[in-house]
N, C-alpha and C. Protein backbone atom coordinates (compact mmCIF):
# COMPACT_ATOMS: atom_id res chain seq x y z
N MET A 1 0.86 -1.17 -0.04
CA MET A 1 -0.01 0.06 0.02
C MET A 1 0.89 1.14 0.03
N GLU A 2 0.56 2.07 -0.84
CA GLU A 2 1.46 3.39 -0.98
C GLU A 2 0.49 4.58 -0.97
N VAL A 3 0.94 5.62 -0.12
CA VAL A 3 0.33 6.96 -0.10
C VAL A 3 1.37 7.95 -0.52
N ARG A 4 1.08 8.84 -1.25
CA ARG A 4 1.92 9.99 -1.65
C ARG A 4 1.14 11.26 -1.64
N ALA A 5 1.77 12.25 -1.07
CA ALA A 5 1.13 13.66 -0.96
C ALA A 5 2.19 14.64 -1.13
N ALA A 6 1.89 15.63 -1.88
CA ALA A 6 2.84 16.79 -2.17
C ALA A 6 2.12 18.09 -2.04
N GLY A 7 2.79 19.17 -1.66
CA GLY A 7 2.15 20.42 -1.57
C GLY A 7 3.15 21.70 -1.45
N ARG A 8 2.57 22.79 -1.55
CA ARG A 8 3.33 24.03 -1.48
C ARG A 8 2.98 24.75 -0.25
N PHE A 9 3.79 25.18 0.56
CA PHE A 9 3.42 25.86 1.81
C PHE A 9 2.87 27.29 1.62
N ALA A 10 1.77 27.45 2.24
CA ALA A 10 1.25 28.79 2.26
C ALA A 10 0.83 29.22 3.67
N PRO A 11 0.70 30.51 3.87
CA PRO A 11 0.35 30.96 5.45
C PRO A 11 -1.07 30.62 5.62
N PRO A 12 -1.48 30.46 6.89
CA PRO A 12 -2.91 30.12 7.20
C PRO A 12 -3.80 31.05 6.72
N THR A 13 -3.45 32.39 6.37
CA THR A 13 -4.39 33.35 5.84
C THR A 13 -4.44 33.41 4.41
N ALA A 14 -3.81 32.53 3.71
CA ALA A 14 -3.68 32.60 2.20
C ALA A 14 -5.18 32.45 1.58
N PHE A 15 -5.30 33.30 0.48
CA PHE A 15 -6.55 33.33 -0.06
C PHE A 15 -6.98 31.88 -0.69
N VAL A 16 -6.08 31.17 -1.16
CA VAL A 16 -6.34 29.74 -1.54
C VAL A 16 -5.77 28.83 -0.59
N PRO A 17 -6.58 28.16 0.15
CA PRO A 17 -6.01 27.22 1.27
C PRO A 17 -5.09 26.22 0.73
N SER A 18 -4.21 25.74 1.54
CA SER A 18 -3.29 24.67 1.15
C SER A 18 -3.27 23.62 2.29
N SER A 19 -2.94 22.37 1.90
CA SER A 19 -2.73 21.22 2.93
C SER A 19 -1.41 21.44 3.68
N ALA A 20 -0.67 22.28 3.07
CA ALA A 20 0.67 22.60 3.59
C ALA A 20 0.69 24.09 4.15
N ILE A 21 0.85 24.27 5.44
CA ILE A 21 0.72 25.56 6.20
C ILE A 21 2.00 25.93 6.86
N THR A 22 2.54 27.09 6.50
CA THR A 22 3.66 27.63 7.26
C THR A 22 3.17 28.62 8.31
N TYR A 23 3.90 28.48 9.53
CA TYR A 23 3.60 29.36 10.58
C TYR A 23 4.81 30.32 10.87
N ASP A 24 5.96 29.97 10.16
CA ASP A 24 7.18 30.63 10.27
C ASP A 24 7.82 30.81 8.88
N GLN A 25 7.47 31.99 8.16
CA GLN A 25 7.95 32.03 6.83
C GLN A 25 9.40 32.14 6.59
N PRO A 26 10.24 32.85 7.64
CA PRO A 26 11.69 32.86 7.33
C PRO A 26 12.25 31.34 7.30
N LEU A 27 11.80 30.53 8.14
CA LEU A 27 12.34 29.16 8.08
C LEU A 27 11.63 28.17 7.10
N VAL A 28 10.24 28.40 6.88
CA VAL A 28 9.55 27.65 5.84
C VAL A 28 8.83 28.65 5.04
N PRO A 29 9.42 29.22 4.01
CA PRO A 29 8.93 30.23 3.17
C PRO A 29 7.65 29.78 2.38
N ALA A 30 6.73 30.66 2.25
CA ALA A 30 5.52 30.44 1.31
C ALA A 30 6.11 29.90 -0.01
N ALA A 31 5.43 28.95 -0.69
CA ALA A 31 5.76 28.40 -1.89
C ALA A 31 6.91 27.29 -1.83
N SER A 32 7.47 27.14 -0.63
CA SER A 32 8.39 26.04 -0.52
C SER A 32 7.69 24.75 -0.60
N TRP A 33 8.26 23.61 -0.95
CA TRP A 33 7.65 22.42 -1.43
C TRP A 33 7.90 21.31 -0.51
N ILE A 34 6.87 20.31 -0.31
CA ILE A 34 7.06 19.15 0.53
C ILE A 34 6.41 18.04 -0.10
N GLU A 35 6.98 16.71 -0.02
CA GLU A 35 6.31 15.59 -0.43
C GLU A 35 6.58 14.45 0.71
N VAL A 36 5.53 13.74 0.98
CA VAL A 36 5.59 12.66 1.97
C VAL A 36 5.12 11.47 1.24
N THR A 37 5.79 10.36 1.50
CA THR A 37 5.36 8.98 1.01
C THR A 37 5.18 8.07 2.06
N GLN A 38 4.31 7.14 2.13
CA GLN A 38 4.18 6.12 2.96
C GLN A 38 3.96 4.78 2.18
N HIS A 39 4.80 3.74 2.55
CA HIS A 39 4.80 2.53 2.05
C HIS A 39 4.53 1.53 3.10
N SER A 40 3.43 0.84 3.05
CA SER A 40 3.23 -0.22 4.15
C SER A 40 2.98 -1.66 3.55
N ASP A 41 3.54 -2.57 4.09
CA ASP A 41 3.19 -4.00 3.77
C ASP A 41 3.44 -4.82 4.91
N GLN A 42 3.41 -6.12 4.73
CA GLN A 42 3.54 -7.09 5.95
C GLN A 42 4.72 -6.99 6.85
N ARG A 43 5.81 -6.30 6.30
CA ARG A 43 7.06 -6.15 7.06
C ARG A 43 7.01 -4.97 7.88
N GLY A 44 6.16 -3.92 7.59
CA GLY A 44 6.11 -2.60 8.31
C GLY A 44 5.78 -1.34 7.50
N THR A 45 6.13 -0.17 7.91
CA THR A 45 5.82 1.04 7.29
C THR A 45 7.00 1.93 7.21
N ARG A 46 7.32 2.45 5.95
CA ARG A 46 8.35 3.34 5.61
C ARG A 46 7.70 4.70 5.36
N VAL A 47 8.04 5.82 6.08
CA VAL A 47 7.69 7.02 5.69
C VAL A 47 8.87 7.91 5.31
N SER A 48 8.70 8.57 4.11
CA SER A 48 9.74 9.38 3.53
C SER A 48 9.29 10.73 3.30
N LEU A 49 10.38 11.71 3.45
CA LEU A 49 9.97 13.20 3.25
C LEU A 49 11.04 13.74 2.36
N ARG A 50 10.53 14.62 1.56
CA ARG A 50 11.43 15.47 0.63
C ARG A 50 10.89 16.89 0.60
N VAL A 51 11.75 17.85 0.74
CA VAL A 51 11.43 19.28 0.84
C VAL A 51 12.29 20.10 -0.14
N ARG A 52 11.90 21.17 -0.52
CA ARG A 52 12.63 22.08 -1.31
C ARG A 52 12.25 23.55 -0.89
N GLY A 53 13.29 24.53 -0.90
CA GLY A 53 12.96 25.84 -0.69
C GLY A 53 13.04 26.25 0.80
N LEU A 54 13.66 25.44 1.73
CA LEU A 54 13.71 25.89 3.05
C LEU A 54 14.93 26.57 3.36
N GLU A 55 15.15 26.97 4.57
CA GLU A 55 16.44 27.75 5.03
C GLU A 55 17.59 26.92 5.06
N PRO A 56 18.57 27.18 4.12
CA PRO A 56 19.80 26.34 3.98
C PRO A 56 20.49 26.29 5.31
N GLY A 57 20.89 25.06 5.64
CA GLY A 57 21.67 24.72 6.84
C GLY A 57 20.89 24.61 8.12
N TYR A 58 19.62 24.93 8.16
CA TYR A 58 18.84 24.80 9.26
C TYR A 58 18.44 23.39 9.58
N ALA A 59 18.50 22.99 10.93
CA ALA A 59 18.19 21.62 11.36
C ALA A 59 16.86 21.55 11.79
N TYR A 60 15.90 20.88 11.11
CA TYR A 60 14.48 20.91 11.34
C TYR A 60 14.09 19.50 12.09
N GLY A 61 13.25 19.56 13.04
CA GLY A 61 12.70 18.39 13.62
C GLY A 61 11.44 18.07 12.92
N VAL A 62 11.15 16.88 12.63
CA VAL A 62 9.89 16.50 11.89
C VAL A 62 9.33 15.24 12.53
N HIS A 63 8.01 15.37 12.71
CA HIS A 63 7.30 14.14 13.28
C HIS A 63 5.93 13.92 12.55
N VAL A 64 5.43 12.74 12.75
CA VAL A 64 4.03 12.54 12.28
C VAL A 64 3.19 12.90 13.42
N HIS A 65 2.05 13.52 13.12
CA HIS A 65 1.15 14.01 14.18
C HIS A 65 -0.25 13.36 13.91
N GLN A 66 -1.01 13.41 15.01
CA GLN A 66 -2.25 12.74 15.02
C GLN A 66 -3.47 13.29 14.21
N LYS A 67 -3.50 14.61 14.06
CA LYS A 67 -4.63 15.28 13.45
C LYS A 67 -4.29 16.11 12.26
N PRO A 68 -5.08 16.52 11.36
CA PRO A 68 -4.77 17.33 10.18
C PRO A 68 -4.40 18.92 10.66
N CYS A 69 -3.72 19.52 9.88
CA CYS A 69 -3.16 20.82 10.07
C CYS A 69 -4.37 21.80 10.13
N GLY A 70 -4.11 22.92 10.83
CA GLY A 70 -5.19 24.04 10.94
C GLY A 70 -4.44 25.33 11.07
N ALA A 71 -5.20 26.39 11.01
CA ALA A 71 -4.62 27.72 11.24
C ALA A 71 -3.85 27.79 12.50
N ASP A 72 -4.30 27.17 13.57
CA ASP A 72 -3.57 27.26 14.75
C ASP A 72 -2.60 25.96 14.77
N PRO A 73 -1.31 26.33 15.01
CA PRO A 73 -0.39 25.34 14.97
C PRO A 73 -0.69 24.02 15.95
N ALA A 74 -1.39 24.22 17.01
CA ALA A 74 -1.82 23.18 17.86
C ALA A 74 -2.80 22.14 17.24
N ALA A 75 -3.41 22.58 16.12
CA ALA A 75 -4.57 21.72 15.58
C ALA A 75 -4.12 20.42 15.29
N ALA A 76 -2.84 20.14 14.96
CA ALA A 76 -2.33 18.78 14.55
C ALA A 76 -2.16 17.75 15.66
N GLY A 77 -2.52 18.33 16.88
CA GLY A 77 -2.44 17.37 18.09
C GLY A 77 -0.98 17.03 18.38
N GLY A 78 -0.97 15.86 19.18
CA GLY A 78 0.36 15.36 19.51
C GLY A 78 0.97 14.43 18.52
N HIS A 79 2.27 13.93 18.87
CA HIS A 79 2.89 13.04 17.92
C HIS A 79 2.11 11.70 17.87
N TYR A 80 2.07 11.12 16.77
CA TYR A 80 1.52 9.71 16.63
C TYR A 80 2.49 8.76 17.31
N GLN A 81 1.95 8.02 18.18
CA GLN A 81 2.81 6.96 18.89
C GLN A 81 2.17 5.59 18.84
N ASN A 82 3.15 4.56 18.45
CA ASN A 82 2.65 3.32 18.26
C ASN A 82 2.14 2.78 19.56
N VAL A 83 2.88 3.02 20.75
CA VAL A 83 2.44 2.72 22.06
C VAL A 83 2.24 4.06 22.72
N PRO A 84 0.90 4.53 23.12
CA PRO A 84 0.75 5.80 23.70
C PRO A 84 1.57 6.06 24.98
N GLY A 85 2.22 7.08 25.02
CA GLY A 85 2.91 7.53 26.20
C GLY A 85 4.55 7.58 26.09
N GLU A 86 5.14 6.64 25.22
CA GLU A 86 6.58 6.72 25.08
C GLU A 86 7.05 7.61 23.86
N MET A 87 7.82 8.61 24.29
CA MET A 87 8.36 9.52 23.29
C MET A 87 9.72 9.11 22.84
N SER A 88 9.87 8.48 21.78
CA SER A 88 11.14 8.11 21.23
C SER A 88 10.99 7.82 19.78
N PRO A 89 12.22 7.87 19.09
CA PRO A 89 12.13 7.56 17.49
C PRO A 89 11.80 6.20 17.17
N GLU A 90 11.90 5.20 18.24
CA GLU A 90 11.47 3.89 17.95
C GLU A 90 9.83 3.74 18.11
N ASN A 91 9.26 4.62 18.86
CA ASN A 91 7.80 4.53 18.97
C ASN A 91 7.08 5.58 18.30
N GLU A 92 7.75 6.58 17.56
CA GLU A 92 7.16 7.62 16.79
C GLU A 92 7.84 7.72 15.44
N VAL A 93 7.36 8.37 14.56
CA VAL A 93 8.07 8.56 13.20
C VAL A 93 8.67 9.87 13.21
N TRP A 94 10.04 9.96 13.46
CA TRP A 94 10.89 11.15 13.43
C TRP A 94 11.58 11.14 12.05
N LEU A 95 11.57 12.40 11.40
CA LEU A 95 12.03 12.58 10.14
C LEU A 95 12.93 13.80 10.07
N ASP A 96 13.81 13.89 11.18
CA ASP A 96 14.74 15.16 11.34
C ASP A 96 15.66 15.17 10.26
N PHE A 97 15.98 16.36 9.74
CA PHE A 97 16.95 16.64 8.68
C PHE A 97 17.59 17.91 8.82
N THR A 98 18.66 18.29 8.12
CA THR A 98 19.20 19.48 8.08
C THR A 98 19.18 19.92 6.52
N ALA A 99 18.62 21.16 6.24
CA ALA A 99 18.44 21.67 4.85
C ALA A 99 19.86 21.68 4.24
N ARG A 100 20.07 21.31 2.98
CA ARG A 100 21.29 21.57 2.22
C ARG A 100 21.53 22.97 1.90
N LYS A 101 22.62 23.27 1.30
CA LYS A 101 22.98 24.65 0.81
C LYS A 101 21.79 25.10 -0.15
N ASP A 102 21.11 24.35 -0.91
CA ASP A 102 20.11 24.79 -1.78
C ASP A 102 18.65 24.86 -1.26
N GLY A 103 18.62 24.47 0.08
CA GLY A 103 17.35 24.47 0.78
C GLY A 103 16.55 23.21 0.61
N SER A 104 17.06 22.21 0.01
CA SER A 104 16.39 20.85 -0.06
C SER A 104 16.83 19.99 1.11
N GLY A 105 15.93 18.99 1.34
CA GLY A 105 16.29 18.01 2.32
C GLY A 105 15.44 16.75 2.22
N LYS A 106 15.97 15.65 2.84
CA LYS A 106 14.99 14.50 2.81
C LYS A 106 15.36 13.71 4.07
N ALA A 107 14.60 12.73 4.38
CA ALA A 107 14.56 11.90 5.43
C ALA A 107 13.70 10.66 5.40
N SER A 108 13.91 9.61 5.92
CA SER A 108 12.92 8.48 5.93
C SER A 108 13.07 7.84 7.27
N ALA A 109 12.07 6.97 7.60
CA ALA A 109 12.03 6.22 8.82
C ALA A 109 11.31 4.97 8.43
N PHE A 110 11.77 3.69 9.12
CA PHE A 110 11.07 2.44 8.86
C PHE A 110 10.76 1.88 10.25
N HIS A 111 9.52 1.38 10.46
CA HIS A 111 9.13 0.69 11.60
C HIS A 111 8.42 -0.49 11.26
N ASP A 112 8.44 -1.50 12.16
CA ASP A 112 7.81 -2.85 11.90
C ASP A 112 6.38 -2.84 12.37
N TRP A 113 5.80 -1.57 12.59
CA TRP A 113 4.47 -1.48 13.02
C TRP A 113 3.84 -0.57 11.90
N GLY A 114 2.51 -0.41 11.94
CA GLY A 114 1.73 0.56 11.06
C GLY A 114 0.80 1.48 11.70
N PHE A 115 0.27 2.42 11.06
CA PHE A 115 -0.52 3.40 11.65
C PHE A 115 -1.87 2.83 11.89
N ARG A 116 -2.53 3.27 13.04
CA ARG A 116 -3.88 2.80 13.30
C ARG A 116 -4.85 3.66 12.54
N ARG A 117 -5.87 3.27 12.04
CA ARG A 117 -6.88 4.00 11.14
C ARG A 117 -7.34 5.28 12.00
N GLY A 118 -7.27 6.38 11.19
CA GLY A 118 -7.63 7.60 11.72
C GLY A 118 -6.78 8.25 12.79
N GLU A 119 -5.67 7.72 13.13
CA GLU A 119 -4.77 8.27 14.23
C GLU A 119 -3.49 8.98 13.72
N ALA A 120 -3.23 9.08 12.43
CA ALA A 120 -2.02 9.76 11.94
C ALA A 120 -2.50 10.64 10.81
N ALA A 121 -2.20 11.90 10.84
CA ALA A 121 -2.95 12.76 9.83
C ALA A 121 -1.97 13.92 9.27
N ALA A 122 -0.76 14.03 9.71
CA ALA A 122 -0.05 15.25 9.35
C ALA A 122 1.42 14.94 9.72
N VAL A 123 2.28 15.79 9.01
CA VAL A 123 3.73 15.74 9.34
C VAL A 123 3.95 17.36 9.85
N VAL A 124 4.67 17.47 10.92
CA VAL A 124 4.84 18.81 11.57
C VAL A 124 6.39 19.02 11.53
N LEU A 125 6.74 20.19 10.92
CA LEU A 125 8.07 20.73 11.05
C LEU A 125 8.29 21.47 12.30
N HIS A 126 9.25 21.12 13.06
CA HIS A 126 9.57 21.85 14.35
C HIS A 126 10.87 22.54 14.42
N ARG A 127 10.87 23.54 15.28
CA ARG A 127 12.10 24.39 15.30
C ARG A 127 13.36 23.74 15.81
N GLU A 128 13.25 22.57 16.54
CA GLU A 128 14.39 21.82 17.03
C GLU A 128 14.18 20.44 16.59
N GLN A 129 15.39 19.71 16.38
CA GLN A 129 15.52 18.31 16.29
C GLN A 129 15.18 17.62 17.62
N GLY A 130 14.87 16.42 17.52
CA GLY A 130 14.51 15.55 18.63
C GLY A 130 13.07 15.49 18.92
N GLY A 131 12.69 15.42 20.20
CA GLY A 131 11.39 15.11 20.73
C GLY A 131 10.31 16.09 20.58
N ALA A 132 10.71 17.46 20.54
CA ALA A 132 9.63 18.47 20.58
C ALA A 132 10.09 19.83 20.13
N GLY A 133 9.41 20.86 20.18
CA GLY A 133 9.82 22.08 19.91
C GLY A 133 8.63 22.87 19.15
N GLU A 134 8.76 24.23 19.09
CA GLU A 134 7.88 25.18 18.38
C GLU A 134 7.55 24.53 16.97
N ARG A 135 6.26 24.71 16.59
CA ARG A 135 5.81 24.19 15.30
C ARG A 135 6.10 25.44 14.25
N LEU A 136 6.89 24.97 13.15
CA LEU A 136 7.20 25.90 12.15
C LEU A 136 6.15 25.79 11.04
N ALA A 137 5.71 24.55 10.75
CA ALA A 137 4.84 24.24 9.63
C ALA A 137 4.12 22.95 9.80
N CYS A 138 3.09 22.72 8.91
CA CYS A 138 2.37 21.49 9.05
C CYS A 138 1.80 21.12 7.63
N PHE A 139 1.83 19.79 7.41
CA PHE A 139 1.38 19.24 6.20
C PHE A 139 0.52 18.11 6.41
N SER A 140 -0.78 18.26 5.91
CA SER A 140 -1.78 17.20 6.14
C SER A 140 -1.52 16.07 5.20
N VAL A 141 -1.48 14.87 5.64
CA VAL A 141 -1.13 13.73 4.77
C VAL A 141 -2.22 12.60 5.11
N PRO A 142 -2.79 11.97 4.12
CA PRO A 142 -3.88 10.91 4.33
C PRO A 142 -3.18 9.51 4.61
N PHE A 143 -2.41 9.45 5.80
CA PHE A 143 -1.85 8.19 6.14
C PHE A 143 -2.86 7.12 6.20
N ALA A 144 -2.42 5.90 6.02
CA ALA A 144 -3.36 4.82 6.00
C ALA A 144 -2.81 3.61 6.92
N PRO A 145 -3.68 2.76 7.45
CA PRO A 145 -3.28 1.58 8.05
C PRO A 145 -2.62 0.64 7.14
N PRO A 146 -1.84 -0.32 7.54
CA PRO A 146 -1.26 -1.28 6.63
C PRO A 146 -2.32 -2.33 6.02
N PRO A 147 -2.18 -2.93 4.97
CA PRO A 147 -3.02 -3.70 4.36
C PRO A 147 -3.27 -4.95 5.31
N ALA A 148 -4.63 -5.52 5.43
CA ALA A 148 -4.92 -6.52 6.21
C ALA A 148 -4.20 -7.82 5.64
N GLY A 149 -3.84 -8.75 6.58
CA GLY A 149 -3.33 -10.10 6.18
C GLY A 149 -1.88 -10.17 6.51
């Protein structure tokens, strides 16, 4: 099973709404680009991230969150966790990266578990790498549970 979503960041007040929202335009400029893919099978789930147009050299923290993005950065809820309560890269999907000189970046994570239906809905870019930090941008992604069987 494969999910692919791509978008261009826009501020929450944009005339044309976007599934990719920037809350901090110096670090995530309007019109910068993001793509997220999810591949799930019997072995597990791989989530991959690609971006273009971000602040060169900046170290972004990125995690899968529970709810879709909204005008309020808190709308995406907390991190998706395989086992609720434990904050770690093994229990969550962490896609931290440092933007290259051209503002591009990529990351991927693989887990031997999959998303529960309706409990993973966005990727949030944070000010700091690691477990938490201020939300710079959010991208709504239609994550799906792994195929049955």
